[in-house]
Amino acid sequence: MNRRAIGLVRTEGINMLVAIAAAMFVGLFGWGAQYFGWSDPESKVQLALFTSFVLGSVCGYKSKG
C-alpha cells in the first residue's frame, strides 16, 4: 500500500469518528434526558454537553493545524 492510499484510509477513519461523535452529541443533547432518565429542569446538563462539544471541536481544530 502506498503512502497516498494510507493517507486516504486514515482520513476516512477520522471522518467516521467525527460523524460518530456528532451523532452521539445530537442524541444526548436532544433525547438524553428521556433515554437515561436524568432530571434537568434548568438545562445544566445540556449546557455542559454543549460546552464539552464546542471545547472538543476547538481543541481538535487547534491540534490539527
PDB file of N, CA and C in Angstrom:
ATOM      1  N   MET A   1       0.850  -1.176   0.000  1.00  0.00           N
ATOM      2  CA  MET A   1       0.000   0.000   0.000  1.00  0.00           C
ATOM      3  C   MET A   1       0.896   1.239   0.000  1.00  0.00           C
ATOM      4  N   ASN A   2       0.645   2.154  -0.907  1.00  0.00           N
ATOM      5  CA  ASN A   2       1.489   3.339  -0.986  1.00  0.00           C
ATOM      6  C   ASN A   2       1.054   4.396   0.034  1.00  0.00           C
ATOM      7  N   ARG A   3       1.846   5.440   0.153  1.00  0.00           N
ATOM      8  CA  ARG A   3       1.582   6.474   1.176  1.00  0.00           C
ATOM      9  C   ARG A   3       0.264   7.191   0.944  1.00  0.00           C
ATOM     10  N   ARG A   4      -0.063   7.433  -0.322  1.00  0.00           N
ATOM     11  CA  ARG A   4      -1.317   8.132  -0.608  1.00  0.00           C
ATOM     12  C   ARG A   4      -2.518   7.291  -0.172  1.00  0.00           C
ATOM     13  N   ALA A   5      -2.486   6.009  -0.432  1.00  0.00           N
ATOM     14  CA  ALA A   5      -3.583   5.125  -0.028  1.00  0.00           C
ATOM     15  C   ALA A   5      -3.702   5.065   1.486  1.00  0.00           C
ATOM     16  N   ILE A   6      -2.591   5.058   2.186  1.00  0.00           N
ATOM     17  CA  ILE A   6      -2.622   5.059   3.655  1.00  0.00           C
ATOM     18  C   ILE A   6      -3.247   6.342   4.161  1.00  0.00           C
ATOM     19  N   GLY A   7      -2.912   7.474   3.537  1.00  0.00           N
ATOM     20  CA  GLY A   7      -3.499   8.752   3.922  1.00  0.00           C
ATOM     21  C   GLY A   7      -4.998   8.776   3.710  1.00  0.00           C
ATOM     22  N   LEU A   8      -5.477   8.173   2.622  1.00  0.00           N
ATOM     23  CA  LEU A   8      -6.915   8.128   2.363  1.00  0.00           C
ATOM     24  C   LEU A   8      -7.637   7.289   3.407  1.00  0.00           C
ATOM     25  N   VAL A   9      -7.052   6.163   3.775  1.00  0.00           N
ATOM     26  CA  VAL A   9      -7.655   5.306   4.802  1.00  0.00           C
ATOM     27  C   VAL A   9      -7.715   6.051   6.131  1.00  0.00           C
ATOM     28  N   ARG A  10      -6.646   6.744   6.467  1.00  0.00           N
ATOM     29  CA  ARG A  10      -6.612   7.488   7.729  1.00  0.00           C
ATOM     30  C   ARG A  10      -7.655   8.608   7.729  1.00  0.00           C
ATOM     31  N   THR A  11      -7.778   9.336   6.623  1.00  0.00           N
ATOM     32  CA  THR A  11      -8.752  10.415   6.522  1.00  0.00           C
ATOM     33  C   THR A  11     -10.170   9.884   6.651  1.00  0.00           C
ATOM     34  N   GLU A  12     -10.456   8.766   5.998  1.00  0.00           N
ATOM     35  CA  GLU A  12     -11.796   8.183   6.093  1.00  0.00           C
ATOM     36  C   GLU A  12     -12.102   7.751   7.518  1.00  0.00           C
ATOM     37  N   GLY A  13     -11.115   7.222   8.222  1.00  0.00           N
ATOM     38  CA  GLY A  13     -11.313   6.819   9.611  1.00  0.00           C
ATOM     39  C   GLY A  13     -11.595   8.006  10.508  1.00  0.00           C
ATOM     40  N   ILE A  14     -10.881   9.108  10.281  1.00  0.00           N
ATOM     41  CA  ILE A  14     -11.101  10.313  11.078  1.00  0.00           C
ATOM     42  C   ILE A  14     -12.478  10.886  10.799  1.00  0.00           C
ATOM     43  N   ASN A  15     -12.888  10.902   9.531  1.00  0.00           N
ATOM     44  CA  ASN A  15     -14.216  11.402   9.194  1.00  0.00           C
ATOM     45  C   ASN A  15     -15.303  10.562   9.852  1.00  0.00           C
ATOM     46  N   MET A  16     -15.093   9.263   9.939  1.00  0.00           N
ATOM     47  CA  MET A  16     -16.071   8.385  10.589  1.00  0.00           C
ATOM     48  C   MET A  16     -16.159   8.696  12.079  1.00  0.00           C
ATOM     49  N   LEU A  17     -15.015   8.943  12.715  1.00  0.00           N
ATOM     50  CA  LEU A  17     -15.026   9.297  14.141  1.00  0.00           C
ATOM     51  C   LEU A  17     -15.749  10.611  14.382  1.00  0.00           C
ATOM     52  N   VAL A  18     -15.544  11.575  13.509  1.00  0.00           N
ATOM     53  CA  VAL A  18     -16.229  12.859  13.636  1.00  0.00           C
ATOM     54  C   VAL A  18     -17.739  12.663  13.489  1.00  0.00           C
ATOM     55  N   ALA A  19     -18.147  11.846  12.547  1.00  0.00           N
ATOM     56  CA  ALA A  19     -19.574  11.586  12.351  1.00  0.00           C
ATOM     57  C   ALA A  19     -20.180  10.881  13.566  1.00  0.00           C
ATOM     58  N   ILE A  20     -19.472   9.931  14.140  1.00  0.00           N
ATOM     59  CA  ILE A  20     -19.973   9.224  15.328  1.00  0.00           C
ATOM     60  C   ILE A  20     -20.074  10.178  16.508  1.00  0.00           C
ATOM     61  N   ALA A  21     -19.058  11.024  16.706  1.00  0.00           N
ATOM     62  CA  ALA A  21     -19.086  11.991  17.807  1.00  0.00           C
ATOM     63  C   ALA A  21     -20.236  12.976  17.643  1.00  0.00           C
ATOM     64  N   ALA A  22     -20.462  13.447  16.429  1.00  0.00           N
ATOM     65  CA  ALA A  22     -21.561  14.394  16.183  1.00  0.00           C
ATOM     66  C   ALA A  22     -22.918  13.728  16.423  1.00  0.00           C
ATOM     67  N   ALA A  23     -23.058  12.490  15.985  1.00  0.00           N
ATOM     68  CA  ALA A  23     -24.314  11.772  16.200  1.00  0.00           C
ATOM     69  C   ALA A  23     -24.564  11.528  17.689  1.00  0.00           C
ATOM     70  N   MET A  24     -23.510  11.178  18.428  1.00  0.00           N
ATOM     71  CA  MET A  24     -23.664  10.977  19.876  1.00  0.00           C
ATOM     72  C   MET A  24     -24.061  12.278  20.559  1.00  0.00           C
ATOM     73  N   PHE A  25     -23.461  13.394  20.148  1.00  0.00           N
ATOM     74  CA  PHE A  25     -23.808  14.686  20.739  1.00  0.00           C
ATOM     75  C   PHE A  25     -25.269  15.025  20.478  1.00  0.00           C
ATOM     76  N   VAL A  26     -25.702  14.884  19.239  1.00  0.00           N
ATOM     77  CA  VAL A  26     -27.092  15.210  18.901  1.00  0.00           C
ATOM     78  C   VAL A  26     -28.050  14.320  19.678  1.00  0.00           C
ATOM     79  N   GLY A  27     -27.730  13.032  19.762  1.00  0.00           N
ATOM     80  CA  GLY A  27     -28.588  12.115  20.501  1.00  0.00           C
ATOM     81  C   GLY A  27     -28.667  12.452  21.981  1.00  0.00           C
ATOM     82  N   LEU A  28     -27.525  12.697  22.605  1.00  0.00           N
ATOM     83  CA  LEU A  28     -27.526  13.037  24.033  1.00  0.00           C
ATOM     84  C   LEU A  28     -28.167  14.393  24.294  1.00  0.00           C
ATOM     85  N   PHE A  29     -27.871  15.356  23.446  1.00  0.00           N
ATOM     86  CA  PHE A  29     -28.408  16.705  23.635  1.00  0.00           C
ATOM     87  C   PHE A  29     -29.924  16.716  23.458  1.00  0.00           C
ATOM     88  N   GLY A  30     -30.396  16.001  22.452  1.00  0.00           N
ATOM     89  CA  GLY A  30     -31.831  16.014  22.150  1.00  0.00           C
ATOM     90  C   GLY A  30     -32.666  15.068  22.993  1.00  0.00           C
ATOM     91  N   TRP A  31     -32.178  13.853  23.198  1.00  0.00           N
ATOM     92  CA  TRP A  31     -33.006  12.834  23.845  1.00  0.00           C
ATOM     93  C   TRP A  31     -32.341  12.159  25.032  1.00  0.00           C
ATOM     94  N   GLY A  32     -31.250  12.693  25.523  1.00  0.00           N
ATOM     95  CA  GLY A  32     -30.522  12.064  26.621  1.00  0.00           C
ATOM     96  C   GLY A  32     -31.314  11.987  27.911  1.00  0.00           C
ATOM     97  N   ALA A  33     -32.073  13.037  28.210  1.00  0.00           N
ATOM     98  CA  ALA A  33     -32.843  13.048  29.456  1.00  0.00           C
ATOM     99  C   ALA A  33     -33.888  11.942  29.468  1.00  0.00           C
ATOM    100  N   GLN A  34     -34.560  11.733  28.344  1.00  0.00           N
ATOM    101  CA  GLN A  34     -35.568  10.667  28.278  1.00  0.00           C
ATOM    102  C   GLN A  34     -34.909   9.293  28.277  1.00  0.00           C
ATOM    103  N   TYR A  35     -33.787   9.161  27.583  1.00  0.00           N
ATOM    104  CA  TYR A  35     -33.138   7.859  27.461  1.00  0.00           C
ATOM    105  C   TYR A  35     -32.493   7.418  28.774  1.00  0.00           C
ATOM    106  N   PHE A  36     -31.739   8.333  29.411  1.00  0.00           N
ATOM    107  CA  PHE A  36     -31.040   7.985  30.641  1.00  0.00           C
ATOM    108  C   PHE A  36     -31.835   8.323  31.895  1.00  0.00           C
ATOM    109  N   GLY A  37     -32.884   9.098  31.762  1.00  0.00           N
ATOM    110  CA  GLY A  37     -33.763   9.395  32.886  1.00  0.00           C
ATOM    111  C   GLY A  37     -33.251  10.449  33.846  1.00  0.00           C
ATOM    112  N   TRP A  38     -32.324  11.317  33.401  1.00  0.00           N
ATOM    113  CA  TRP A  38     -31.870  12.351  34.312  1.00  0.00           C
ATOM    114  C   TRP A  38     -32.856  13.504  34.352  1.00  0.00           C
ATOM    115  N   SER A  39     -32.888  14.179  35.479  1.00  0.00           N
ATOM    116  CA  SER A  39     -33.752  15.342  35.658  1.00  0.00           C
ATOM    117  C   SER A  39     -32.904  16.590  35.430  1.00  0.00           C
ATOM    118  N   ASP A  40     -33.332  17.424  34.500  1.00  0.00           N
ATOM    119  CA  ASP A  40     -32.554  18.608  34.126  1.00  0.00           C
ATOM    120  C   ASP A  40     -33.477  19.812  33.905  1.00  0.00           C
ATOM    121  N   PRO A  41     -34.157  20.264  34.973  1.00  0.00           N
ATOM    122  CA  PRO A  41     -35.106  21.369  34.779  1.00  0.00           C
ATOM    123  C   PRO A  41     -34.427  22.688  34.409  1.00  0.00           C
ATOM    124  N   GLU A  42     -33.192  22.891  34.786  1.00  0.00           N
ATOM    125  CA  GLU A  42     -32.512  24.151  34.486  1.00  0.00           C
ATOM    126  C   GLU A  42     -31.581  24.036  33.281  1.00  0.00           C
ATOM    127  N   SER A  43     -31.601  22.906  32.599  1.00  0.00           N
ATOM    128  CA  SER A  43     -30.795  22.649  31.395  1.00  0.00           C
ATOM    129  C   SER A  43     -29.291  22.742  31.627  1.00  0.00           C
ATOM    130  N   LYS A  44     -28.841  22.422  32.836  1.00  0.00           N
ATOM    131  CA  LYS A  44     -27.408  22.468  33.120  1.00  0.00           C
ATOM    132  C   LYS A  44     -26.664  21.315  32.456  1.00  0.00           C
ATOM    133  N   VAL A  45     -27.304  20.168  32.351  1.00  0.00           N
ATOM    134  CA  VAL A  45     -26.655  19.035  31.693  1.00  0.00           C
ATOM    135  C   VAL A  45     -26.496  19.330  30.201  1.00  0.00           C
ATOM    136  N   GLN A  46     -27.524  19.898  29.588  1.00  0.00           N
ATOM    137  CA  GLN A  46     -27.424  20.252  28.179  1.00  0.00           C
ATOM    138  C   GLN A  46     -26.344  21.311  27.953  1.00  0.00           C
ATOM    139  N   LEU A  47     -26.234  22.263  28.857  1.00  0.00           N
ATOM    140  CA  LEU A  47     -25.192  23.281  28.753  1.00  0.00           C
ATOM    141  C   LEU A  47     -23.810  22.645  28.860  1.00  0.00           C
ATOM    142  N   ALA A  48     -23.639  21.693  29.774  1.00  0.00           N
ATOM    143  CA  ALA A  48     -22.360  21.003  29.919  1.00  0.00           C
ATOM    144  C   ALA A  48     -22.036  20.183  28.670  1.00  0.00           C
ATOM    145  N   LEU A  49     -23.026  19.509  28.092  1.00  0.00           N
ATOM    146  CA  LEU A  49     -22.809  18.747  26.860  1.00  0.00           C
ATOM    147  C   LEU A  49     -22.404  19.673  25.715  1.00  0.00           C
ATOM    148  N   PHE A  50     -23.087  20.785  25.580  1.00  0.00           N
ATOM    149  CA  PHE A  50     -22.776  21.735  24.514  1.00  0.00           C
ATOM    150  C   PHE A  50     -21.374  22.318  24.689  1.00  0.00           C
ATOM    151  N   THR A  51     -21.040  22.686  25.924  1.00  0.00           N
ATOM    152  CA  THR A  51     -19.721  23.254  26.203  1.00  0.00           C
ATOM    153  C   THR A  51     -18.611  22.248  25.897  1.00  0.00           C
ATOM    154  N   SER A  52     -18.789  21.008  26.317  1.00  0.00           N
ATOM    155  CA  SER A  52     -17.766  19.993  26.049  1.00  0.00           C
ATOM    156  C   SER A  52     -17.629  19.721  24.556  1.00  0.00           C
ATOM    157  N   PHE A  53     -18.730  19.762  23.815  1.00  0.00           N
ATOM    158  CA  PHE A  53     -18.669  19.565  22.371  1.00  0.00           C
ATOM    159  C   PHE A  53     -17.911  20.703  21.696  1.00  0.00           C
ATOM    160  N   VAL A  54     -18.211  21.944  22.091  1.00  0.00           N
ATOM    161  CA  VAL A  54     -17.526  23.103  21.499  1.00  0.00           C
ATOM    162  C   VAL A  54     -16.044  23.092  21.842  1.00  0.00           C
ATOM    163  N   LEU A  55     -15.712  22.856  23.101  1.00  0.00           N
ATOM    164  CA  LEU A  55     -14.310  22.832  23.500  1.00  0.00           C
ATOM    165  C   LEU A  55     -13.549  21.687  22.825  1.00  0.00           C
ATOM    166  N   GLY A  56     -14.180  20.547  22.684  1.00  0.00           N
ATOM    167  CA  GLY A  56     -13.559  19.433  21.968  1.00  0.00           C
ATOM    168  C   GLY A  56     -13.326  19.756  20.502  1.00  0.00           C
ATOM    169  N   SER A  57     -14.274  20.452  19.892  1.00  0.00           N
ATOM    170  CA  SER A  57     -14.112  20.863  18.496  1.00  0.00           C
ATOM    171  C   SER A  57     -12.970  21.852  18.346  1.00  0.00           C
ATOM    172  N   VAL A  58     -12.882  22.807  19.262  1.00  0.00           N
ATOM    173  CA  VAL A  58     -11.807  23.800  19.227  1.00  0.00           C
ATOM    174  C   VAL A  58     -10.449  23.116  19.414  1.00  0.00           C
ATOM    175  N   CYS A  59     -10.355  22.228  20.370  1.00  0.00           N
ATOM    176  CA  CYS A  59      -9.085  21.515  20.611  1.00  0.00           C
ATOM    177  C   CYS A  59      -8.702  20.665  19.407  1.00  0.00           C
ATOM    178  N   GLY A  60      -9.662  20.003  18.809  1.00  0.00           N
ATOM    179  CA  GLY A  60      -9.374  19.204  17.629  1.00  0.00           C
ATOM    180  C   GLY A  60      -8.905  20.050  16.467  1.00  0.00           C
ATOM    181  N   TYR A  61      -9.504  21.206  16.294  1.00  0.00           N
ATOM    182  CA  TYR A  61      -9.101  22.110  15.217  1.00  0.00           C
ATOM    183  C   TYR A  61      -7.699  22.655  15.464  1.00  0.00           C
ATOM    184  N   LYS A  62      -7.430  23.018  16.721  1.00  0.00           N
ATOM    185  CA  LYS A  62      -6.114  23.577  17.073  1.00  0.00           C
ATOM    186  C   LYS A  62      -5.012  22.526  16.902  1.00  0.00           C
ATOM    187  N   SER A  63      -5.270  21.295  17.288  1.00  0.00           N
ATOM    188  CA  SER A  63      -4.235  20.259  17.190  1.00  0.00           C
ATOM    189  C   SER A  63      -4.036  19.794  15.752  1.00  0.00           C
ATOM    190  N   LYS A  64      -5.035  19.970  14.927  1.00  0.00           N
ATOM    191  CA  LYS A  64      -4.946  19.565  13.526  1.00  0.00           C
ATOM    192  C   LYS A  64      -4.050  20.519  12.738  1.00  0.00           C
ATOM    193  N   GLY A  65      -4.119  21.813  13.043  1.00  0.00           N
ATOM    194  CA  GLY A  65      -3.415  22.839  12.266  1.00  0.00           C
ATOM    195  C   GLY A  65      -2.005  22.952  12.638  1.00  0.00           C
TER     196      GLY A  65
END
